Amino acid sequence: MEYIGYLTSILIGISLGLIGGGGSILTVPVLVYIFSMDATIATIYSLFIVGITSAIGSISYFRKGLINIKTAFVFGIPSIIGVFITRVYLVPSIPDPVFLIGTYSVTKHILLMLLFAILMIAASYSMIRKATVPGVDKDGHFNYFLIIIQGFAAGVVTGLVGAGGGFMIIPALVFMLRLPMKEAIGTSLLIITANSLLGFFSSANHIAIHWSFLFTIAAFAITGIFIGMRLSKNIDGAKLKPAFGWFVLAMGIYIIIKETMLK
């Protein structure tokens, strides 16, 4: 099974390199269902894997001048605040078990996986549907309040479930701040790097980290991101996004079924 996990880690990186987001949302399910890791620990490990992989990817985009530093600050600062509040205050305050429904105990693990499944379904919708243009009024002015809210929300998502939140960040950068797609992908990777690594180091002192395992998974994901960036020169990632969205939707539904009906 672990070889399947390593192969899937490569696919996570390919997705990040090719379409700039979405792939990181598979990291927690891989850690939980293939490597049999508890969801709470998996979210912490996912933050490191996603952060390191995104950092490597962002270097290439930076060298090509495809990262907008000013935009990264505008969107990234509220996002980082969201990550910090979530990892330092919200996640540790979640009780275990969370609550009981008759004899059914909703543990912290189940709650996080169900939240993750809901996130996957929301992410799949944003990948499948045709894009609209929120956040810009009819005079062409940016709604910075909405941008700050979405940045903070992306940070909460990253901190809570260990996903990079690229499915939220990239549409905001393209349609709210009007960045070209490739520049939005590069800027998104930088924001995801900051969010994920901050989230990881905010939580890493609470558990014993299996560093060799963590670096192994990260190495496979980094290999994937280089493959994805290479493929992006010849393949339009936007055309692949709806198909990937349907896959993410199926995974989200599977998680809900597994964590409720199959328990």
C-alpha atoms as a PDB file:
ATOM      1  CA  MET A   1       0.000   0.000   0.000  1.00  0.00           C
ATOM      2  CA  GLU A   2       2.824   2.411   0.749  1.00  0.00           C
ATOM      3  CA  TYR A   3       3.928   2.303  -2.897  1.00  0.00           C
ATOM      4  CA  ILE A   4       0.457   3.459  -3.891  1.00  0.00           C
ATOM      5  CA  GLY A   5       0.891   6.300  -1.390  1.00  0.00           C
ATOM      6  CA  TYR A   6       4.215   7.321  -2.937  1.00  0.00           C
ATOM      7  CA  LEU A   7       2.695   7.251  -6.434  1.00  0.00           C
ATOM      8  CA  THR A   8      -0.233   9.354  -5.253  1.00  0.00           C
ATOM      9  CA  SER A   9       2.225  11.816  -3.708  1.00  0.00           C
ATOM     10  CA  ILE A  10       3.726  12.328  -7.159  1.00  0.00           C
ATOM     11  CA  LEU A  11       0.242  13.013  -8.537  1.00  0.00           C
ATOM     12  CA  ILE A  12      -0.289  15.609  -5.792  1.00  0.00           C
ATOM     13  CA  GLY A  13       2.806  17.457  -6.990  1.00  0.00           C
ATOM     14  CA  ILE A  14       1.805  17.133 -10.655  1.00  0.00           C
ATOM     15  CA  SER A  15      -1.539  18.769  -9.878  1.00  0.00           C
ATOM     16  CA  LEU A  16       0.143  21.654  -8.052  1.00  0.00           C
ATOM     17  CA  GLY A  17       2.554  22.208 -10.938  1.00  0.00           C
ATOM     18  CA  LEU A  18      -0.008  21.822 -13.698  1.00  0.00           C
ATOM     19  CA  ILE A  19      -3.131  23.580 -12.406  1.00  0.00           C
ATOM     20  CA  GLY A  20      -1.706  25.406  -9.373  1.00  0.00           C
ATOM     21  CA  GLY A  21      -4.038  23.907  -6.795  1.00  0.00           C
ATOM     22  CA  GLY A  22      -6.298  21.048  -5.954  1.00  0.00           C
ATOM     23  CA  GLY A  23      -3.577  18.445  -5.568  1.00  0.00           C
ATOM     24  CA  SER A  24      -2.876  19.336  -1.959  1.00  0.00           C
ATOM     25  CA  ILE A  25      -6.454  18.422  -1.082  1.00  0.00           C
ATOM     26  CA  LEU A  26      -5.504  14.772  -1.672  1.00  0.00           C
ATOM     27  CA  THR A  27      -2.656  14.807   0.854  1.00  0.00           C
ATOM     28  CA  VAL A  28      -4.716  14.177   3.989  1.00  0.00           C
ATOM     29  CA  PRO A  29      -6.776  11.318   2.463  1.00  0.00           C
ATOM     30  CA  VAL A  30      -3.532   9.681   1.293  1.00  0.00           C
ATOM     31  CA  LEU A  31      -2.012   9.925   4.777  1.00  0.00           C
ATOM     32  CA  VAL A  32      -5.179   8.720   6.507  1.00  0.00           C
ATOM     33  CA  TYR A  33      -6.399   5.937   4.210  1.00  0.00           C
ATOM     34  CA  ILE A  34      -3.165   4.659   2.677  1.00  0.00           C
ATOM     35  CA  PHE A  35      -0.669   5.260   5.494  1.00  0.00           C
ATOM     36  CA  SER A  36      -3.249   4.679   8.294  1.00  0.00           C
ATOM     37  CA  MET A  37      -2.532   7.963  10.062  1.00  0.00           C
ATOM     38  CA  ASP A  38      -4.861   9.702  12.510  1.00  0.00           C
ATOM     39  CA  ALA A  39      -6.574  12.721  10.933  1.00  0.00           C
ATOM     40  CA  THR A  40      -5.200  15.187  13.495  1.00  0.00           C
ATOM     41  CA  ILE A  41      -1.617  14.091  12.816  1.00  0.00           C
ATOM     42  CA  ALA A  42      -2.288  13.877   9.065  1.00  0.00           C
ATOM     43  CA  THR A  43      -3.331  17.537   8.910  1.00  0.00           C
ATOM     44  CA  ILE A  44      -0.043  18.539  10.542  1.00  0.00           C
ATOM     45  CA  TYR A  45       2.036  16.359   8.212  1.00  0.00           C
ATOM     46  CA  SER A  46       0.044  17.620   5.236  1.00  0.00           C
ATOM     47  CA  LEU A  47       0.929  21.220   6.086  1.00  0.00           C
ATOM     48  CA  PHE A  48       4.644  20.397   5.842  1.00  0.00           C
ATOM     49  CA  ILE A  49       4.316  18.371   2.619  1.00  0.00           C
ATOM     50  CA  VAL A  50       2.157  20.996   0.928  1.00  0.00           C
ATOM     51  CA  GLY A  51       4.350  23.841   2.207  1.00  0.00           C
ATOM     52  CA  ILE A  52       7.668  22.382   1.053  1.00  0.00           C
ATOM     53  CA  THR A  53       6.270  21.276  -2.303  1.00  0.00           C
ATOM     54  CA  SER A  54       4.724  24.691  -2.941  1.00  0.00           C
ATOM     55  CA  ALA A  55       7.969  26.413  -1.912  1.00  0.00           C
ATOM     56  CA  ILE A  56       9.962  24.469  -4.504  1.00  0.00           C
ATOM     57  CA  GLY A  57       7.357  25.220  -7.137  1.00  0.00           C
ATOM     58  CA  SER A  58       7.251  28.919  -6.287  1.00  0.00           C
ATOM     59  CA  ILE A  59      11.029  29.263  -6.833  1.00  0.00           C
ATOM     60  CA  SER A  60      10.629  28.362 -10.484  1.00  0.00           C
ATOM     61  CA  TYR A  61       7.773  30.839 -10.910  1.00  0.00           C
ATOM     62  CA  PHE A  62       9.784  33.545  -9.115  1.00  0.00           C
ATOM     63  CA  ARG A  63      12.712  33.094 -11.495  1.00  0.00           C
ATOM     64  CA  LYS A  64      10.324  33.583 -14.423  1.00  0.00           C
ATOM     65  CA  GLY A  65       8.880  36.751 -12.871  1.00  0.00           C
ATOM     66  CA  LEU A  66       5.504  35.086 -12.368  1.00  0.00           C
ATOM     67  CA  ILE A  67       4.988  35.995  -8.697  1.00  0.00           C
ATOM     68  CA  ASN A  68       3.297  39.252  -7.753  1.00  0.00           C
ATOM     69  CA  ILE A  69       4.812  40.086  -4.358  1.00  0.00           C
ATOM     70  CA  LYS A  70       2.435  42.981  -3.637  1.00  0.00           C
ATOM     71  CA  THR A  71      -0.603  40.789  -4.300  1.00  0.00           C
ATOM     72  CA  ALA A  72       0.909  38.025  -2.157  1.00  0.00           C
ATOM     73  CA  PHE A  73       0.964  40.478   0.773  1.00  0.00           C
ATOM     74  CA  VAL A  74      -2.562  41.823   0.168  1.00  0.00           C
ATOM     75  CA  PHE A  75      -4.078  38.352   0.107  1.00  0.00           C
ATOM     76  CA  GLY A  76      -1.457  36.563   2.184  1.00  0.00           C
ATOM     77  CA  ILE A  77      -1.431  38.609   5.401  1.00  0.00           C
ATOM     78  CA  PRO A  78      -5.097  37.951   6.340  1.00  0.00           C
ATOM     79  CA  SER A  79      -4.564  34.365   5.211  1.00  0.00           C
ATOM     80  CA  ILE A  80      -1.582  33.927   7.550  1.00  0.00           C
ATOM     81  CA  ILE A  81      -3.610  35.427  10.418  1.00  0.00           C
ATOM     82  CA  GLY A  82      -6.335  32.856   9.705  1.00  0.00           C
ATOM     83  CA  VAL A  83      -3.820  29.998   9.819  1.00  0.00           C
ATOM     84  CA  PHE A  84      -2.292  31.188  13.089  1.00  0.00           C
ATOM     85  CA  ILE A  85      -5.602  31.615  14.892  1.00  0.00           C
ATOM     86  CA  THR A  86      -6.831  28.229  13.670  1.00  0.00           C
ATOM     87  CA  ARG A  87      -3.720  26.200  14.537  1.00  0.00           C
ATOM     88  CA  VAL A  88      -2.933  27.874  17.862  1.00  0.00           C
ATOM     89  CA  TYR A  89      -6.431  28.355  19.267  1.00  0.00           C
ATOM     90  CA  LEU A  90      -9.190  26.599  17.298  1.00  0.00           C
ATOM     91  CA  VAL A  91      -7.786  23.113  16.591  1.00  0.00           C
ATOM     92  CA  PRO A  92      -6.426  22.480  20.130  1.00  0.00           C
ATOM     93  CA  SER A  93      -9.805  23.483  21.613  1.00  0.00           C
ATOM     94  CA  ILE A  94     -11.755  20.788  19.711  1.00  0.00           C
ATOM     95  CA  PRO A  95     -12.713  18.091  22.276  1.00  0.00           C
ATOM     96  CA  ASP A  96     -12.366  14.366  21.633  1.00  0.00           C
ATOM     97  CA  PRO A  97     -14.953  12.940  21.313  1.00  0.00           C
ATOM     98  CA  VAL A  98     -16.711  16.012  19.976  1.00  0.00           C
ATOM     99  CA  PHE A  99     -20.246  14.794  20.749  1.00  0.00           C
ATOM    100  CA  LEU A 100     -22.414  11.674  20.859  1.00  0.00           C
ATOM    101  CA  ILE A 101     -25.395  10.797  18.663  1.00  0.00           C
ATOM    102  CA  GLY A 102     -27.028   7.972  20.600  1.00  0.00           C
ATOM    103  CA  THR A 103     -24.314   5.324  20.778  1.00  0.00           C
ATOM    104  CA  TYR A 104     -22.418   6.839  17.839  1.00  0.00           C
ATOM    105  CA  SER A 105     -19.363   8.812  18.948  1.00  0.00           C
ATOM    106  CA  VAL A 106     -18.224  11.638  16.687  1.00  0.00           C
ATOM    107  CA  THR A 107     -14.506  11.743  17.390  1.00  0.00           C
ATOM    108  CA  LYS A 108     -12.094  14.512  16.460  1.00  0.00           C
ATOM    109  CA  HIS A 109     -10.789  12.259  13.682  1.00  0.00           C
ATOM    110  CA  ILE A 110     -14.271  11.797  12.191  1.00  0.00           C
ATOM    111  CA  LEU A 111     -15.086  15.505  12.492  1.00  0.00           C
ATOM    112  CA  LEU A 112     -11.901  16.548  10.682  1.00  0.00           C
ATOM    113  CA  MET A 113     -12.443  14.010   7.903  1.00  0.00           C
ATOM    114  CA  LEU A 114     -16.063  15.090   7.446  1.00  0.00           C
ATOM    115  CA  LEU A 115     -14.988  18.733   7.301  1.00  0.00           C
ATOM    116  CA  PHE A 116     -12.337  17.697   4.825  1.00  0.00           C
ATOM    117  CA  ALA A 117     -14.930  15.890   2.699  1.00  0.00           C
ATOM    118  CA  ILE A 118     -17.135  18.999   2.655  1.00  0.00           C
ATOM    119  CA  LEU A 119     -14.091  21.037   1.626  1.00  0.00           C
ATOM    120  CA  MET A 120     -13.366  18.575  -1.198  1.00  0.00           C
ATOM    121  CA  ILE A 121     -16.932  18.863  -2.494  1.00  0.00           C
ATOM    122  CA  ALA A 122     -16.704  22.668  -2.384  1.00  0.00           C
ATOM    123  CA  ALA A 123     -13.335  22.541  -4.148  1.00  0.00           C
ATOM    124  CA  SER A 124     -14.699  20.216  -6.823  1.00  0.00           C
ATOM    125  CA  TYR A 125     -17.525  22.644  -7.520  1.00  0.00           C
ATOM    126  CA  SER A 126     -15.069  25.505  -8.063  1.00  0.00           C
ATOM    127  CA  MET A 127     -13.063  23.316 -10.461  1.00  0.00           C
ATOM    128  CA  ILE A 128     -16.048  22.049 -12.455  1.00  0.00           C
ATOM    129  CA  ARG A 129     -18.192  25.161 -12.798  1.00  0.00           C
ATOM    130  CA  LYS A 130     -17.582  27.971 -15.259  1.00  0.00           C
ATOM    131  CA  ALA A 131     -15.839  30.899 -13.627  1.00  0.00           C
ATOM    132  CA  THR A 132     -17.617  34.100 -12.704  1.00  0.00           C
ATOM    133  CA  VAL A 133     -16.050  37.420 -11.796  1.00  0.00           C
ATOM    134  CA  PRO A 134     -16.740  38.294  -8.133  1.00  0.00           C
ATOM    135  CA  GLY A 135     -15.018  41.008  -6.174  1.00  0.00           C
ATOM    136  CA  VAL A 136     -14.905  43.661  -8.910  1.00  0.00           C
ATOM    137  CA  ASP A 137     -17.643  46.260  -9.116  1.00  0.00           C
ATOM    138  CA  LYS A 138     -19.078  47.650 -12.348  1.00  0.00           C
ATOM    139  CA  ASP A 139     -16.552  50.507 -12.348  1.00  0.00           C
ATOM    140  CA  GLY A 140     -13.650  48.047 -12.216  1.00  0.00           C
ATOM    141  CA  HIS A 141     -12.686  48.748  -8.591  1.00  0.00           C
ATOM    142  CA  PHE A 142     -11.529  45.952  -6.331  1.00  0.00           C
ATOM    143  CA  ASN A 143     -13.553  44.934  -3.305  1.00  0.00           C
ATOM    144  CA  TYR A 144     -10.660  44.725  -0.853  1.00  0.00           C
ATOM    145  CA  PHE A 145     -12.959  43.855   2.038  1.00  0.00           C
ATOM    146  CA  LEU A 146     -14.088  40.735   0.171  1.00  0.00           C
ATOM    147  CA  ILE A 147     -10.469  39.928  -0.720  1.00  0.00           C
ATOM    148  CA  ILE A 148      -9.420  40.162   2.943  1.00  0.00           C
ATOM    149  CA  ILE A 149     -12.351  37.955   4.001  1.00  0.00           C
ATOM    150  CA  GLN A 150     -11.492  35.334   1.388  1.00  0.00           C
ATOM    151  CA  GLY A 151      -7.813  35.472   2.349  1.00  0.00           C
ATOM    152  CA  PHE A 152      -8.698  34.908   6.002  1.00  0.00           C
ATOM    153  CA  ALA A 153     -11.070  32.065   5.027  1.00  0.00           C
ATOM    154  CA  ALA A 154      -8.327  30.402   2.969  1.00  0.00           C
ATOM    155  CA  GLY A 155      -6.056  30.590   6.015  1.00  0.00           C
ATOM    156  CA  VAL A 156      -8.680  28.987   8.255  1.00  0.00           C
ATOM    157  CA  VAL A 157      -9.133  26.168   5.715  1.00  0.00           C
ATOM    158  CA  THR A 158      -5.375  25.601   5.555  1.00  0.00           C
ATOM    159  CA  GLY A 159      -5.009  25.583   9.320  1.00  0.00           C
ATOM    160  CA  LEU A 160      -8.030  23.402   9.996  1.00  0.00           C
ATOM    161  CA  VAL A 161      -7.670  20.590   7.460  1.00  0.00           C
ATOM    162  CA  GLY A 162      -4.088  20.886   6.200  1.00  0.00           C
ATOM    163  CA  ALA A 163      -4.990  21.727   2.582  1.00  0.00           C
ATOM    164  CA  GLY A 164      -3.293  24.531   0.703  1.00  0.00           C
ATOM    165  CA  GLY A 165      -6.540  26.234  -0.275  1.00  0.00           C
ATOM    166  CA  GLY A 166      -5.407  26.878  -3.838  1.00  0.00           C
ATOM    167  CA  PHE A 167      -8.956  26.315  -5.094  1.00  0.00           C
ATOM    168  CA  MET A 168      -9.948  29.430  -3.103  1.00  0.00           C
ATOM    169  CA  ILE A 169      -6.795  31.478  -3.688  1.00  0.00           C
ATOM    170  CA  ILE A 170      -6.392  31.204  -7.475  1.00  0.00           C
ATOM    171  CA  PRO A 171      -9.946  32.341  -8.402  1.00  0.00           C
ATOM    172  CA  ALA A 172      -9.545  35.288  -6.028  1.00  0.00           C
ATOM    173  CA  LEU A 173      -6.220  36.293  -7.602  1.00  0.00           C
ATOM    174  CA  VAL A 174      -7.543  35.941 -11.158  1.00  0.00           C
ATOM    175  CA  PHE A 175     -11.022  37.437 -10.824  1.00  0.00           C
ATOM    176  CA  MET A 176     -10.643  39.795  -7.874  1.00  0.00           C
ATOM    177  CA  LEU A 177      -7.093  41.038  -8.461  1.00  0.00           C
ATOM    178  CA  ARG A 178      -7.003  40.325 -12.206  1.00  0.00           C
ATOM    179  CA  LEU A 179      -3.712  38.476 -12.338  1.00  0.00           C
ATOM    180  CA  PRO A 180      -2.883  36.428 -15.462  1.00  0.00           C
ATOM    181  CA  MET A 181      -3.393  32.704 -14.782  1.00  0.00           C
ATOM    182  CA  LYS A 182       0.287  31.710 -14.684  1.00  0.00           C
ATOM    183  CA  GLU A 183       1.098  34.652 -12.393  1.00  0.00           C
ATOM    184  CA  ALA A 184      -1.846  33.698 -10.187  1.00  0.00           C
ATOM    185  CA  ILE A 185      -0.511  30.136  -9.927  1.00  0.00           C
ATOM    186  CA  GLY A 186       2.968  31.357  -8.929  1.00  0.00           C
ATOM    187  CA  THR A 187       1.577  33.852  -6.406  1.00  0.00           C
ATOM    188  CA  SER A 188      -0.780  31.197  -5.035  1.00  0.00           C
ATOM    189  CA  LEU A 189       2.137  28.816  -4.471  1.00  0.00           C
ATOM    190  CA  LEU A 190       3.950  31.512  -2.458  1.00  0.00           C
ATOM    191  CA  ILE A 191       0.865  32.167  -0.309  1.00  0.00           C
ATOM    192  CA  ILE A 192       0.309  28.425   0.198  1.00  0.00           C
ATOM    193  CA  THR A 193       3.971  28.045   1.218  1.00  0.00           C
ATOM    194  CA  ALA A 194       3.703  30.721   3.902  1.00  0.00           C
ATOM    195  CA  ASN A 195       0.348  29.470   5.193  1.00  0.00           C
ATOM    196  CA  SER A 196       1.287  25.794   5.298  1.00  0.00           C
ATOM    197  CA  LEU A 197       4.722  26.131   6.886  1.00  0.00           C
ATOM    198  CA  LEU A 198       3.419  28.576   9.504  1.00  0.00           C
ATOM    199  CA  GLY A 199       0.633  26.112  10.299  1.00  0.00           C
ATOM    200  CA  PHE A 200       3.078  23.217  10.534  1.00  0.00           C
ATOM    201  CA  PHE A 201       5.579  24.921  12.849  1.00  0.00           C
ATOM    202  CA  SER A 202       2.728  26.215  14.998  1.00  0.00           C
ATOM    203  CA  SER A 203       1.714  22.604  15.690  1.00  0.00           C
ATOM    204  CA  ALA A 204       4.893  20.524  15.298  1.00  0.00           C
ATOM    205  CA  ASN A 205       6.012  20.998  18.899  1.00  0.00           C
ATOM    206  CA  HIS A 206       2.916  19.110  20.129  1.00  0.00           C
ATOM    207  CA  ILE A 207       3.761  15.768  18.467  1.00  0.00           C
ATOM    208  CA  ALA A 208       6.747  13.556  17.654  1.00  0.00           C
ATOM    209  CA  ILE A 209       7.542  14.072  13.964  1.00  0.00           C
ATOM    210  CA  HIS A 210       8.633  11.106  11.838  1.00  0.00           C
ATOM    211  CA  TRP A 211      10.990  13.225   9.742  1.00  0.00           C
ATOM    212  CA  SER A 212      12.306  10.501   7.420  1.00  0.00           C
ATOM    213  CA  PHE A 213       8.751   9.589   6.385  1.00  0.00           C
ATOM    214  CA  LEU A 214       7.809  13.242   6.023  1.00  0.00           C
ATOM    215  CA  PHE A 215      10.799  14.052   3.805  1.00  0.00           C
ATOM    216  CA  THR A 216      10.184  10.931   1.698  1.00  0.00           C
ATOM    217  CA  ILE A 217       6.593  11.908   0.920  1.00  0.00           C
ATOM    218  CA  ALA A 218       7.671  15.499   0.293  1.00  0.00           C
ATOM    219  CA  ALA A 219      10.405  14.307  -2.103  1.00  0.00           C
ATOM    220  CA  PHE A 220       7.852  12.389  -4.190  1.00  0.00           C
ATOM    221  CA  ALA A 221       5.503  15.383  -4.223  1.00  0.00           C
ATOM    222  CA  ILE A 222       8.368  17.693  -5.258  1.00  0.00           C
ATOM    223  CA  THR A 223       9.222  15.311  -8.095  1.00  0.00           C
ATOM    224  CA  GLY A 224       5.599  15.578  -9.163  1.00  0.00           C
ATOM    225  CA  ILE A 225       5.570  19.364  -9.146  1.00  0.00           C
ATOM    226  CA  PHE A 226       8.561  19.458 -11.503  1.00  0.00           C
ATOM    227  CA  ILE A 227       6.749  17.036 -13.807  1.00  0.00           C
ATOM    228  CA  GLY A 228       3.620  19.182 -13.604  1.00  0.00           C
ATOM    229  CA  MET A 229       5.485  22.393 -14.424  1.00  0.00           C
ATOM    230  CA  ARG A 230       7.111  20.650 -17.365  1.00  0.00           C
ATOM    231  CA  LEU A 231       3.768  19.389 -18.635  1.00  0.00           C
ATOM    232  CA  SER A 232       2.230  22.853 -18.233  1.00  0.00           C
ATOM    233  CA  LYS A 233       4.345  24.055 -21.166  1.00  0.00           C
ATOM    234  CA  ASN A 234       2.423  21.782 -23.531  1.00  0.00           C
ATOM    235  CA  ILE A 235      -0.858  21.122 -21.710  1.00  0.00           C
ATOM    236  CA  ASP A 236      -3.503  23.652 -20.749  1.00  0.00           C
ATOM    237  CA  GLY A 237      -4.125  22.875 -17.074  1.00  0.00           C
ATOM    238  CA  ALA A 238      -7.447  24.734 -17.197  1.00  0.00           C
ATOM    239  CA  LYS A 239      -8.834  22.082 -19.542  1.00  0.00           C
ATOM    240  CA  LEU A 240      -7.885  19.315 -17.119  1.00  0.00           C
ATOM    241  CA  LYS A 241      -9.340  21.043 -14.065  1.00  0.00           C
ATOM    242  CA  PRO A 242     -13.009  19.958 -14.554  1.00  0.00           C
ATOM    243  CA  ALA A 243     -11.992  16.288 -14.870  1.00  0.00           C
ATOM    244  CA  PHE A 244      -9.884  16.576 -11.736  1.00  0.00           C
ATOM    245  CA  GLY A 245     -12.836  18.291 -10.050  1.00  0.00           C
ATOM    246  CA  TRP A 246     -15.083  15.281 -10.696  1.00  0.00           C
ATOM    247  CA  PHE A 247     -12.418  13.023  -9.171  1.00  0.00           C
ATOM    248  CA  VAL A 248     -12.197  15.235  -6.069  1.00  0.00           C
ATOM    249  CA  LEU A 249     -16.010  15.208  -5.809  1.00  0.00           C
ATOM    250  CA  ALA A 250     -16.048  11.394  -5.870  1.00  0.00           C
ATOM    251  CA  MET A 251     -13.351  11.297  -3.183  1.00  0.00           C
ATOM    252  CA  GLY A 252     -15.304  13.701  -0.971  1.00  0.00           C
ATOM    253  CA  ILE A 253     -18.448  11.581  -1.220  1.00  0.00           C
ATOM    254  CA  TYR A 254     -16.416   8.429  -0.482  1.00  0.00           C
ATOM    255  CA  ILE A 255     -14.975   9.973   2.690  1.00  0.00           C
ATOM    256  CA  ILE A 256     -18.443  10.930   3.956  1.00  0.00           C
ATOM    257  CA  ILE A 257     -19.722   7.399   3.347  1.00  0.00           C
ATOM    258  CA  LYS A 258     -16.657   5.775   4.925  1.00  0.00           C
ATOM    259  CA  GLU A 259     -16.689   7.964   8.035  1.00  0.00           C
ATOM    260  CA  THR A 260     -20.444   7.576   8.668  1.00  0.00           C
ATOM    261  CA  MET A 261     -22.174   4.583   7.086  1.00  0.00           C
ATOM    262  CA  LEU A 262     -19.137   2.283   7.062  1.00  0.00           C
ATOM    263  CA  LYS A 263     -18.091   2.941  10.663  1.00  0.00           C
END
